[in-house]
Protein backbone atom coordinates (compact mmCIF):
# COMPACT_ATOMS: atom_id res chain seq x y z
CA MET A 1 -4.18 8.66 16.63
CA THR A 2 -1.70 10.54 14.49
CA ARG A 3 -3.03 13.76 13.03
CA SER A 4 -1.74 16.25 10.52
CA LEU A 5 -2.92 19.81 10.09
CA GLN A 6 -3.72 20.86 6.55
CA ALA A 7 -4.58 24.44 5.65
CA VAL A 8 -7.54 24.54 3.26
CA ALA A 9 -7.81 28.03 1.75
CA TYR A 10 -10.81 29.50 -0.10
CA ARG A 11 -11.24 32.93 -1.70
CA ARG A 12 -14.60 33.34 0.02
CA PRO A 13 -17.16 31.13 1.78
CA SER A 14 -19.50 29.08 -0.39
CA VAL A 15 -22.94 30.72 -0.59
CA LEU A 16 -26.45 30.26 -1.92
CA GLU A 17 -27.74 33.62 -3.13
CA SER A 18 -30.56 35.07 -5.19
CA ALA A 19 -29.75 35.89 -8.79
CA ALA A 20 -31.58 36.98 -11.91
CA GLY A 21 -33.87 34.15 -13.01
CA GLY A 22 -33.34 31.95 -9.96
CA GLN A 23 -30.69 31.20 -7.36
CA LEU A 24 -26.93 30.75 -7.55
CA LEU A 25 -25.10 28.05 -5.59
CA GLY A 26 -21.43 28.99 -5.53
CA LEU A 27 -19.16 26.25 -4.18
CA GLU A 28 -15.70 27.64 -3.53
CA THR A 29 -12.71 25.43 -4.29
CA SER A 30 -9.34 25.10 -2.58
CA ARG A 31 -5.97 24.26 -4.12
CA GLY A 32 -6.38 21.26 -6.43
CA ALA A 33 -4.96 19.14 -9.22
CA THR A 34 -5.96 19.66 -12.87
CA PRO A 35 -4.64 18.43 -16.25
CA MET A 36 -2.72 21.72 -16.43
CA GLY A 37 -1.05 21.13 -13.08
CA VAL A 38 -1.87 22.31 -9.57
CA LYS A 39 -4.07 25.43 -9.37
CA ASP A 40 -5.02 27.47 -6.32
CA HIS A 41 -8.77 27.69 -7.03
CA PRO A 42 -9.79 25.66 -10.10
CA GLN A 43 -13.24 25.95 -11.65
CA PHE A 44 -14.89 22.69 -12.72
CA PHE A 45 -18.42 23.74 -13.71
CA ALA A 46 -20.70 26.69 -14.32
CA GLY A 47 -24.21 25.80 -15.39
CA PHE A 48 -27.55 24.59 -14.07
CA LEU A 49 -28.68 21.65 -11.95
CA THR A 50 -31.65 19.95 -13.61
CA SER A 51 -33.07 18.80 -10.23
CA PRO A 52 -32.15 21.51 -7.69
CA GLN A 53 -34.04 20.06 -4.71
CA VAL A 54 -32.58 16.61 -5.23
CA ALA A 55 -29.02 17.87 -5.71
CA SER A 56 -29.22 20.10 -2.62
CA ALA A 57 -30.48 17.26 -0.44
CA ALA A 58 -27.85 14.85 -1.78
CA LEU A 59 -25.02 17.35 -1.28
CA LEU A 60 -26.20 17.85 2.30
CA ALA A 61 -26.10 14.07 2.81
CA VAL A 62 -22.43 14.02 1.75
CA ALA A 63 -21.75 16.93 4.12
CA ASP A 64 -23.61 15.08 6.91
CA VAL A 65 -21.18 12.18 6.61
CA ALA A 66 -18.17 14.52 6.53
CA ALA A 67 -19.31 16.11 9.80
CA ALA A 68 -20.28 12.87 11.55
CA ARG A 69 -18.74 10.29 13.80
CA TYR A 70 -20.81 7.14 14.00
CA TYR A 71 -18.54 5.67 16.66
CA GLN A 72 -17.43 7.60 19.76
CA GLN A 73 -19.70 10.45 18.78
CA GLN A 74 -18.43 12.80 21.47
CA LEU A 75 -15.40 13.50 19.27
CA ARG A 76 -16.14 16.10 16.60
CA ALA A 77 -15.39 15.67 12.92
CA SER A 78 -15.13 18.52 10.44
CA LEU A 79 -13.85 17.73 6.98
CA ASP A 80 -14.64 19.45 3.70
CA PRO A 81 -15.89 17.17 0.91
CA VAL A 82 -13.73 16.47 -2.12
CA VAL A 83 -15.03 17.29 -5.61
CA THR A 84 -13.75 15.76 -8.86
CA GLY A 85 -14.62 16.87 -12.37
CA ASN A 86 -14.41 13.96 -14.80
CA GLY A 87 -15.51 15.72 -17.98
CA ASP A 88 -19.04 14.31 -17.99
CA ARG A 89 -19.91 14.35 -14.27
CA LEU A 90 -19.12 15.84 -10.88
CA ARG A 91 -18.28 13.56 -7.95
CA PHE A 92 -18.55 14.76 -4.36
CA GLU A 93 -16.87 12.49 -1.79
CA SER A 94 -16.45 12.46 1.97
CA PHE A 95 -15.46 10.17 4.81
CA SER A 96 -16.89 10.17 8.29
CA GLY A 97 -14.58 11.26 11.10
CA CYS A 98 -14.54 7.69 12.44
CA CYS A 99 -13.53 6.42 8.97
CA GLY A 100 -16.32 3.84 8.91
CA VAL A 101 -18.61 5.46 6.28
CA TYR A 102 -17.64 6.58 2.79
CA ALA A 103 -20.11 8.79 0.91
CA ARG A 104 -20.10 9.72 -2.77
CA LEU A 105 -22.56 11.77 -4.82
CA ASP A 106 -22.22 11.34 -8.58
CA VAL A 107 -24.00 14.17 -10.44
CA LEU A 108 -24.22 12.63 -13.88
CA GLU A 109 -24.58 14.26 -17.29
CA PRO A 110 -28.44 14.29 -17.16
CA GLY A 111 -28.23 16.14 -13.83
CA LEU A 112 -26.22 19.03 -15.31
CA ASP A 113 -27.19 21.53 -17.98
CA GLY A 114 -25.69 24.49 -19.78
CA GLY A 115 -22.02 24.13 -18.99
CA GLU A 116 -19.00 21.95 -19.63
CA VAL A 117 -17.56 19.90 -16.79
CA GLY A 118 -13.84 20.41 -16.25
CA HIS A 119 -11.22 17.96 -15.03
CA GLY A 120 -9.50 17.94 -11.64
CA THR A 121 -9.89 17.37 -7.91
CA THR A 122 -10.02 19.71 -4.91
CA ASN A 123 -11.84 20.38 -1.64
CA VAL A 124 -15.05 22.43 -1.57
CA ASP A 125 -16.22 24.63 1.27
CA VAL A 126 -19.52 23.47 2.80
CA ASN A 127 -20.05 25.77 5.77
CA ASN A 128 -22.90 25.94 8.29
CA PRO A 129 -24.70 28.95 6.74
CA LEU A 130 -24.62 27.21 3.37
CA ARG A 131 -26.02 24.02 4.89
CA GLU A 132 -28.90 25.98 6.39
CA ALA A 133 -29.61 27.70 3.08
CA LEU A 134 -29.55 24.44 1.12
CA SER A 135 -31.96 22.82 3.56
CA ARG A 136 -34.50 25.59 2.85
CA ILE A 137 -34.68 25.02 -0.90
CA GLY A 138 -38.32 24.10 -1.32
CA SER A 139 -38.99 24.23 -5.04
CA ASP A 140 -37.37 23.35 -8.32
CA ASP A 141 -36.83 26.94 -9.36
CA PRO A 142 -33.75 27.31 -11.58
CA LEU A 143 -30.54 26.80 -9.61
CA HIS A 144 -27.25 27.83 -11.16
CA LEU A 145 -24.25 25.88 -9.88
CA ARG A 146 -20.73 27.20 -9.95
CA VAL A 147 -17.97 24.90 -8.72
CA GLY A 148 -14.99 27.18 -8.39
CA PRO A 149 -14.59 30.97 -8.37
CA GLU A 150 -15.82 33.30 -11.07
CA GLU A 151 -13.14 34.10 -13.63
CA LEU A 152 -13.35 37.81 -12.79
CA ALA A 153 -12.88 37.08 -9.12
CA VAL A 154 -9.85 34.94 -9.84
CA THR A 155 -8.04 37.74 -11.59
CA THR A 156 -9.14 40.86 -9.71
CA MET A 157 -10.21 39.94 -6.18
CA ASP A 158 -7.91 41.33 -3.48
CA GLY A 159 -10.10 40.53 -0.48
CA PRO A 160 -9.20 38.23 2.41
CA VAL A 161 -8.78 34.50 1.88
CA VAL A 162 -11.01 32.25 3.98
CA GLU A 163 -8.73 29.68 5.55
CA LYS A 164 -9.64 26.59 7.56
CA LYS A 165 -7.30 24.49 9.65
CA VAL A 166 -8.65 21.00 9.14
CA PRO A 167 -7.34 18.11 11.27
CA LEU A 168 -6.87 15.10 8.99
CA PRO A 169 -6.30 11.81 10.83
CA ASP A 170 -3.84 9.59 8.98
CA ARG A 171 -6.29 6.68 9.29
CA TRP A 172 -8.88 8.83 7.46
CA LEU A 173 -6.45 9.29 4.59
CA ARG A 174 -5.84 5.54 4.39
CA GLY A 175 -9.58 4.93 4.32
CA PHE A 176 -9.87 6.24 0.75
CA ALA A 177 -7.35 3.62 -0.38
CA GLU A 178 -8.95 0.73 1.50
CA ALA A 179 -12.54 1.57 0.49
CA GLN A 180 -11.83 1.32 -3.24
CA VAL A 181 -10.05 -2.02 -2.82
CA ILE A 182 -12.98 -3.47 -0.87
CA ALA A 183 -15.63 -2.05 -3.24
CA ALA A 184 -13.87 -3.62 -6.23
CA GLY A 185 -14.91 -7.00 -4.81
CA PHE A 186 -18.62 -6.09 -4.68
CA ASP A 187 -21.38 -7.20 -7.02
CA LEU A 188 -24.98 -6.00 -7.30
CA ARG A 189 -27.00 -8.13 -4.84
CA ALA A 190 -30.43 -6.48 -4.87
CA GLU A 191 -32.37 -3.64 -6.47
CA LEU A 192 -35.54 -2.29 -4.83
CA PRO A 193 -38.14 -0.08 -6.55
CA ALA A 194 -38.74 3.36 -5.04
CA ALA A 195 -41.68 2.57 -2.75
CA ASP A 196 -40.11 -0.61 -1.34
CA ALA A 197 -36.75 1.14 -0.93
CA VAL A 198 -38.33 3.95 1.07
CA ARG A 199 -40.24 1.53 3.31
CA PHE A 200 -37.13 -0.54 3.99
CA LEU A 201 -34.82 2.41 4.76
CA ARG A 202 -37.34 4.24 6.93
CA ALA A 203 -37.82 1.12 9.05
CA LEU A 204 -34.12 0.96 9.96
CA PRO A 205 -33.03 1.99 13.49
CA ARG A 206 -31.76 5.55 13.81
CA GLY A 207 -29.81 5.17 17.04
CA GLY A 208 -26.08 5.60 17.18
CA GLY A 209 -23.00 5.60 19.29
CA ARG A 210 -21.06 2.78 20.86
CA GLY A 211 -23.01 -0.40 21.18
CA ALA A 212 -25.85 0.77 18.94
CA SER A 213 -25.72 -2.41 16.86
CA ALA A 214 -25.67 -5.75 18.65
CA GLY A 215 -23.51 -7.73 16.24
CA PRO A 216 -23.70 -7.84 12.43
CA ARG A 217 -27.09 -7.82 10.71
CA TRP A 218 -27.83 -9.54 7.44
CA VAL A 219 -30.52 -9.08 4.81
CA VAL A 220 -31.52 -11.23 1.84
CA PRO A 221 -33.48 -10.27 -1.28
CA SER A 222 -37.12 -11.29 -1.06
CA GLY A 223 -39.33 -10.18 -3.93
CA ASN A 224 -39.12 -6.40 -4.20
CA THR A 225 -37.66 -5.90 -0.74
CA LEU A 226 -35.03 -7.16 1.71
CA ARG A 227 -35.85 -9.33 4.69
CA PRO A 228 -33.63 -9.72 7.76
CA THR A 229 -31.85 -12.96 8.54
CA THR A 230 -29.97 -13.91 11.69
CA ARG A 231 -26.87 -15.18 9.91
CA ALA A 232 -24.99 -15.08 6.66
CA VAL A 233 -26.50 -17.26 3.95
CA PRO A 234 -25.66 -17.43 0.24
CA GLY A 235 -26.95 -14.27 -1.45
CA ALA A 236 -27.13 -12.30 1.80
CA VAL A 237 -25.75 -8.79 2.26
CA CYS A 238 -24.29 -7.54 5.52
CA LEU A 239 -25.91 -4.45 7.03
CA PRO A 240 -23.35 -3.45 9.64
CA GLY A 241 -24.50 -0.60 11.84
CA PRO A 242 -27.76 0.19 10.00
CA GLU A 243 -28.05 3.50 11.86
CA ARG A 244 -25.11 4.68 9.74
CA LEU A 245 -27.42 4.92 6.71
CA ILE A 246 -29.27 7.84 8.32
CA ALA A 247 -27.77 10.32 5.82
CA LEU A 248 -29.88 8.67 3.10
CA GLN A 249 -33.02 9.94 4.83
CA ARG A 250 -32.44 13.36 3.23
CA VAL A 251 -33.07 12.02 -0.28
CA LEU A 252 -35.64 9.26 0.19
CA ARG A 253 -38.59 11.20 -1.20
CA HIS A 254 -36.66 11.71 -4.43
CA ALA A 255 -35.42 8.10 -4.75
CA THR A 256 -36.27 6.07 -7.84
CA ALA A 257 -34.54 2.87 -6.66
CA LEU A 258 -32.16 1.40 -4.08
CA ARG A 259 -29.25 -0.78 -5.17
CA VAL A 260 -27.31 -2.89 -2.70
CA TYR A 261 -23.78 -4.19 -3.32
CA GLY A 262 -21.61 -6.62 -1.43
CA PRO A 263 -19.19 -9.53 -1.76
CA ALA A 264 -20.27 -13.13 -2.22
CA VAL A 265 -20.73 -14.79 1.17
CA ALA A 266 -21.05 -18.37 2.34
CA GLY A 267 -23.01 -19.66 5.29
CA GLY A 268 -21.60 -18.50 8.62
CA ALA A 269 -19.38 -15.81 7.06
CA ALA A 270 -18.03 -12.98 9.20
CA ALA A 271 -19.35 -9.43 8.85
CA THR A 272 -18.42 -7.68 5.60
CA ALA A 273 -18.58 -4.18 4.16
CA SER A 274 -21.46 -3.23 1.84
CA ALA A 275 -22.53 -0.34 -0.39
CA TRP A 276 -26.01 1.25 -0.47
CA GLU A 277 -26.82 3.34 -3.55
CA VAL A 278 -29.91 5.53 -3.84
CA VAL A 279 -30.74 6.23 -7.49
CA LEU A 280 -31.93 9.82 -7.99
CA PRO A 281 -32.94 11.85 -11.07
CA GLY A 282 -29.67 12.51 -12.89
CA MET A 283 -27.47 11.38 -9.99
CA ARG A 284 -26.52 8.62 -7.56
CA LEU A 285 -25.80 8.80 -3.82
CA THR A 286 -23.80 5.90 -2.38
CA LEU A 287 -22.84 5.11 1.22
CA THR A 288 -20.28 2.37 1.79
CA LEU A 289 -20.23 0.92 5.30
CA SER A 290 -17.27 -0.74 7.00
CA PRO A 291 -17.87 -4.23 8.48
CA ASP A 292 -18.61 -2.78 11.93
CA ALA A 293 -19.45 0.65 13.36
CA SER A 294 -16.33 0.46 15.55
CA ARG A 295 -14.14 -0.58 12.65
CA GLY A 296 -12.80 2.02 10.25
CA PHE A 297 -11.78 1.26 6.68
CA SER A 298 -8.24 2.40 7.40
CA GLY A 299 -7.24 -0.82 9.18
CA GLU A 300 -8.61 -3.33 6.68
CA GLY A 301 -5.24 -4.16 5.08
CA GLY A 302 -6.54 -4.64 1.54
CA VAL A 303 -3.73 -2.60 -0.01
CA LEU A 304 -0.82 -4.32 1.76
CA ASP A 305 0.01 -6.86 -0.94
CA ALA A 306 0.13 -4.15 -3.62
CA LEU A 307 2.29 -1.93 -1.43
CA ALA A 308 4.66 -4.80 -0.69
CA THR A 309 5.83 -5.31 -4.28
CA ASP A 310 8.27 -3.15 -6.22
CA GLU A 311 6.69 -4.38 -9.47
CA ALA A 312 3.38 -2.67 -8.62
CA ALA A 313 5.23 0.54 -7.82
CA GLU A 314 6.88 0.58 -11.26
CA ASP A 315 3.64 -0.37 -12.99
CA ALA A 316 1.76 2.38 -11.14
CA GLU A 317 4.08 5.01 -12.60
CA LEU A 318 3.25 3.78 -16.11
CA ILE A 319 -0.51 3.49 -15.51
CA SER A 320 -0.71 6.94 -13.91
CA VAL A 321 0.35 8.51 -17.21
CA LEU A 322 -2.55 6.79 -18.99
CA LEU A 323 -5.38 7.69 -16.61
CA ALA A 324 -6.27 11.04 -18.26
CA TRP A 325 -9.03 11.99 -15.77
CA GLU A 326 -11.35 9.38 -17.25
CA PRO A 327 -14.74 8.91 -15.49
CA ARG A 328 -14.51 5.20 -16.22
CA VAL A 329 -11.12 3.47 -16.18
CA ASP A 330 -11.24 0.25 -18.21
CA VAL A 331 -8.71 -2.35 -17.05
CA ALA A 332 -8.63 -4.09 -20.45
CA ASP A 333 -7.92 -0.81 -22.25
CA LEU A 334 -5.12 0.03 -19.81
CA ALA A 335 -3.65 -3.45 -20.23
CA SER A 336 -3.62 -3.02 -24.00
CA ALA A 337 -2.12 0.47 -23.85
CA SER A 338 0.53 -0.41 -21.25
CA GLY A 339 1.46 -3.92 -22.34
CA LEU A 340 0.80 -5.20 -18.81
CA THR A 341 -1.46 -8.08 -17.84
CA PRO A 342 -4.89 -7.19 -16.38
CA GLU A 343 -3.72 -8.54 -13.01
CA ARG A 344 -0.73 -6.19 -12.98
CA VAL A 345 -2.97 -3.28 -14.03
CA ARG A 346 -5.32 -3.97 -11.10
CA ALA A 347 -2.37 -4.13 -8.69
CA ALA A 348 -1.09 -0.82 -10.09
CA LEU A 349 -4.53 0.77 -9.64
CA ILE A 350 -4.60 -0.39 -6.01
CA ARG A 351 -1.18 1.16 -5.57
CA LEU A 352 -2.41 4.43 -7.10
CA GLY A 353 -5.42 4.27 -4.81
CA THR A 354 -3.16 4.54 -1.77
CA SER A 355 -2.33 8.09 -2.83
CA GLY A 356 -5.96 8.90 -3.68
CA ARG A 357 -5.42 8.84 -7.44
CA VAL A 358 -8.22 6.38 -8.24
CA GLY A 359 -11.57 5.49 -6.75
CA TYR A 360 -14.04 2.72 -7.52
CA ASP A 361 -17.63 3.15 -8.72
CA THR A 362 -19.74 0.11 -7.80
CA ALA A 363 -22.60 1.20 -10.08
CA GLU A 364 -20.37 0.98 -13.15
CA ALA A 365 -18.00 -1.70 -11.79
CA ALA A 366 -15.08 0.48 -12.83
CA TYR A 367 -12.33 2.63 -11.39
CA PHE A 368 -12.26 6.39 -11.96
CA HIS A 369 -9.46 8.93 -11.92
CA ARG A 370 -9.08 11.62 -9.28
CA GLU A 371 -6.10 13.30 -7.61
CA LEU A 372 -6.14 13.69 -3.84
CA PRO A 373 -3.20 15.54 -2.27
CA TYR A 374 -1.76 12.48 -0.48
CA ASP A 375 1.33 10.50 -1.43
CA ALA A 376 1.73 6.71 -1.42
CA GLU A 377 4.94 6.96 0.62
CA ARG A 378 2.96 8.56 3.43
CA VAL A 379 0.52 5.64 3.45
CA GLU A 380 3.40 3.18 3.65
CA ARG A 381 5.02 5.18 6.41
CA HIS A 382 1.91 5.00 8.58
CA ASN A 383 1.18 1.29 8.06
CA PRO A 384 2.81 -0.61 10.93
CA ARG A 385 2.35 -4.10 9.42
CA LEU A 386 4.09 -3.08 6.22
CA ARG A 387 6.96 -1.44 8.10
CA SER A 388 7.38 -4.50 10.33
CA ALA A 389 7.35 -6.88 7.36
CA ARG A 390 10.08 -4.90 5.60
CA ALA A 391 12.13 -4.94 8.80
CA LEU A 392 11.78 -8.74 9.07
CA VAL A 393 12.95 -9.18 5.48
CA ALA A 394 15.87 -6.80 5.99
CA ALA A 395 16.90 -8.72 9.12
CA GLY A 396 16.98 -12.03 7.22
CA ALA A 397 14.28 -13.44 9.49
CA VAL A 398 12.43 -15.31 6.72
CA ALA A 399 13.23 -18.86 5.63
CA LEU A 400 11.34 -20.60 2.80
CA ASP A 401 10.71 -24.32 2.43
CA GLY A 402 8.19 -25.09 -0.33
CA ALA A 403 4.67 -24.23 0.83
CA LEU A 404 6.01 -23.42 4.30
CA GLY A 405 7.77 -20.29 5.45
CA THR A 406 9.16 -19.64 8.89
CA VAL A 407 9.62 -16.17 10.31
CA THR A 408 11.69 -15.50 13.40
CA ALA A 409 10.14 -12.46 15.06
CA GLU A 410 11.95 -9.74 16.96
CA ASP A 411 11.27 -11.49 20.27
CA GLY A 412 12.72 -14.78 19.05
CA HIS A 413 9.39 -16.55 18.50
CA VAL A 414 9.18 -18.60 15.31
CA HIS A 415 5.96 -18.25 13.31
CA ARG A 416 4.98 -20.70 10.58
CA VAL A 417 3.36 -19.34 7.43
CA ARG A 418 1.57 -21.87 5.21
CA ASP A 419 0.40 -21.48 1.63
CA GLU A 420 -3.06 -23.01 1.19
CA ALA A 421 -4.27 -22.56 -2.39
CA GLY A 422 -2.58 -19.17 -2.64
CA VAL A 423 -3.82 -17.93 0.75
CA LEU A 424 -1.12 -17.49 3.36
CA SER A 425 -2.08 -18.45 6.91
CA CYS A 426 0.08 -17.98 9.97
CA SER A 427 0.50 -19.38 13.48
CA CYS A 428 0.58 -15.88 15.04
CA LEU A 429 -2.09 -14.28 17.23
CA TRP A 430 -3.09 -11.79 14.50
CA TRP A 431 -4.11 -14.58 12.15
CA ALA A 432 -5.86 -16.47 14.96
CA LYS A 433 -7.93 -13.35 15.72
CA TYR A 434 -8.82 -12.12 12.23
CA ARG A 435 -8.30 -15.20 9.97
CA GLY A 436 -7.30 -12.92 7.10
CA GLY A 437 -10.38 -10.72 7.50
CA ARG A 438 -8.23 -7.61 7.92
CA GLY A 439 -5.50 -8.37 5.44
CA PRO A 440 -2.28 -10.36 5.90
CA CYS A 441 -0.24 -10.34 9.10
CA LYS A 442 3.32 -8.99 9.04
CA HIS A 443 4.79 -12.52 8.87
CA ALA A 444 2.73 -13.50 5.82
CA LEU A 445 3.63 -10.19 4.19
CA ALA A 446 7.32 -10.82 4.82
CA VAL A 447 7.10 -14.32 3.32
CA ARG A 448 5.31 -12.95 0.24
CA MET A 449 8.00 -10.27 -0.17
CA VAL A 450 10.81 -12.85 -0.04
CA ARG A 451 8.98 -15.13 -2.47
CA ARG A 452 8.54 -12.29 -4.94
CA GLY A 453 12.17 -11.35 -4.54
CA ASP A 454 13.28 -14.93 -5.26
CA ALA A 455 10.97 -15.11 -8.29
CA ALA A 456 12.35 -11.84 -9.62
CA ALA A 457 15.90 -13.10 -9.12
CA GLU A 458 15.07 -16.30 -11.03
CA ARG A 459 13.59 -14.27 -13.90
CA ASP A 460 16.69 -12.07 -14.03
CA MET A 461 18.95 -15.16 -14.08
CA ALA A 462 16.88 -16.67 -16.90
CA ARG A 463 17.26 -13.48 -18.92
CA VAL A 464 21.04 -13.49 -18.38
CA GLU A 465 21.28 -17.13 -19.49
CA ALA A 466 19.08 -16.45 -22.53
CA ASP A 467 21.25 -13.48 -23.52
CA ALA A 468 24.39 -15.62 -23.12
CA ARG A 469 22.99 -18.21 -25.52
C-alpha cells in the first residue's frame, strides 16, 4: 500500500479544562482552507454546546473510527478528524484506517449557542489525554467550545508547535471520493424510534477482525424495528460487518431515532454499502459501511466515469467557483447558475469529490462544500484502472462497431465490450468477477473514452458546418 507522510501542525494540544462558569473544550486546528485562502490555524467557532454530554460522546465516536481498523486489526491507524465550518453547522469527519467505515458528526444550529460558525476545512487534534477527559464528562454543565486557537494566541504565542507525522494511505484519501458517490445513490429505508433503535443496535455482535462476519447480512423494516433476513429482498438494507457499528454505542443513551439508508435492491442482490444515522439532540452521527469488512471504499470505482471525461473536468472548474462553502449544495440551483444540465452538474460534483471538495449528506439528500488538501490529479495518478484505460486509448487499442467495442489488451488478448441499455459489460476476468459491482473495468472505461471523444468530434464538426452556413 502506497503511503504519504503529511505533517499536521498544531499550536498546542487540544484540551478540556476548567473555566469560569463551566468547562472549556479547545480543539486546535491545523493548516486549512477558508474563503480568505489557506490559513495556518483557522478558527471556526467560539461558543457553547447546548448538549455537552451528547456532543462529547459523539465526538469520541468519530475519533474511535479514526483510530480503528475493522479489518486486519493488528495494524494501527491514527488519523486526526477533519472539521468543516459551513456557516450554520460544524461537521467532523473521519475514515477508519482500513477505509471501510466513514464517520461524520453534524453539529447543527440547535446544537450550538452564542457564537457564529465560520467557513473552512482543516484537521483537528484529538489526542489521548483529550479523549480521556471527554469520556469523563458526566453532567450537562456549561461547556464552551472553541474550534481553532484564541485570537490572542494566534498573534502573540511564541511557544513550540505541536507537530504530528500522520501516515495517510492513498486508498484512504480515495475513500472520501468514493463514499460520497455511493451515498448519493441512497434513500431512507427505515426510521426507528429511540427505544427500538437502542434495542436493535445493542443486540448486534461486537466481535471484529478477519472473518468476523460470515457473509453479508440483510435487514428489512418490520413495524418499529428491523428484522434479519437471509437474503436480499425488495426493501431490504445490507448490514455488512455489523460489528463495525460499535462506535454508535457511545451515543445510544442519547439517541432520539435511528435512520437507515441504502440503495434499492432486488431479490438476490450482492452486498451493498449502507448508512446508519443516529439522531441526537441538535446533531446527527452517521456511519457509512462499505459492502464488506474486508473491502475499503477506495476500490469501489464509482468516480471512474467522471474522471475519464474532459468535459467533467472543465465543468468542475466552473462549479467550484459557485460552491461558496454552502452547507447544502442544490444541483438545480447550480445548473441554473452555471448553464449546465443537472447531469453535468452531478458529474462535476463527483469530479470535485475526488479532491475532497464536496461531500454528501444522506439526511438532507444533498452535497455540501468542504476543502480537503488533496488534488484530483493525485487521485487519477493512483487509480490503476484509469491509467490503464488511458494507455489503451493512446495506443489505439479500441475499435468501435455500434453497440460493440473491441479492445486489444497489452498481452494481445481481444476483449469484447457490449452496451446493454447504457451499461457496458466486458468479456474480461474483472467483469466476470465483479459484474460491475466495483465500477467499470479498464476496457469498458477505454471504450467509453473513445465514444465520448467521437461524440465531441461530431459536435465540433457540426459547429463548423453551422458556422460555414
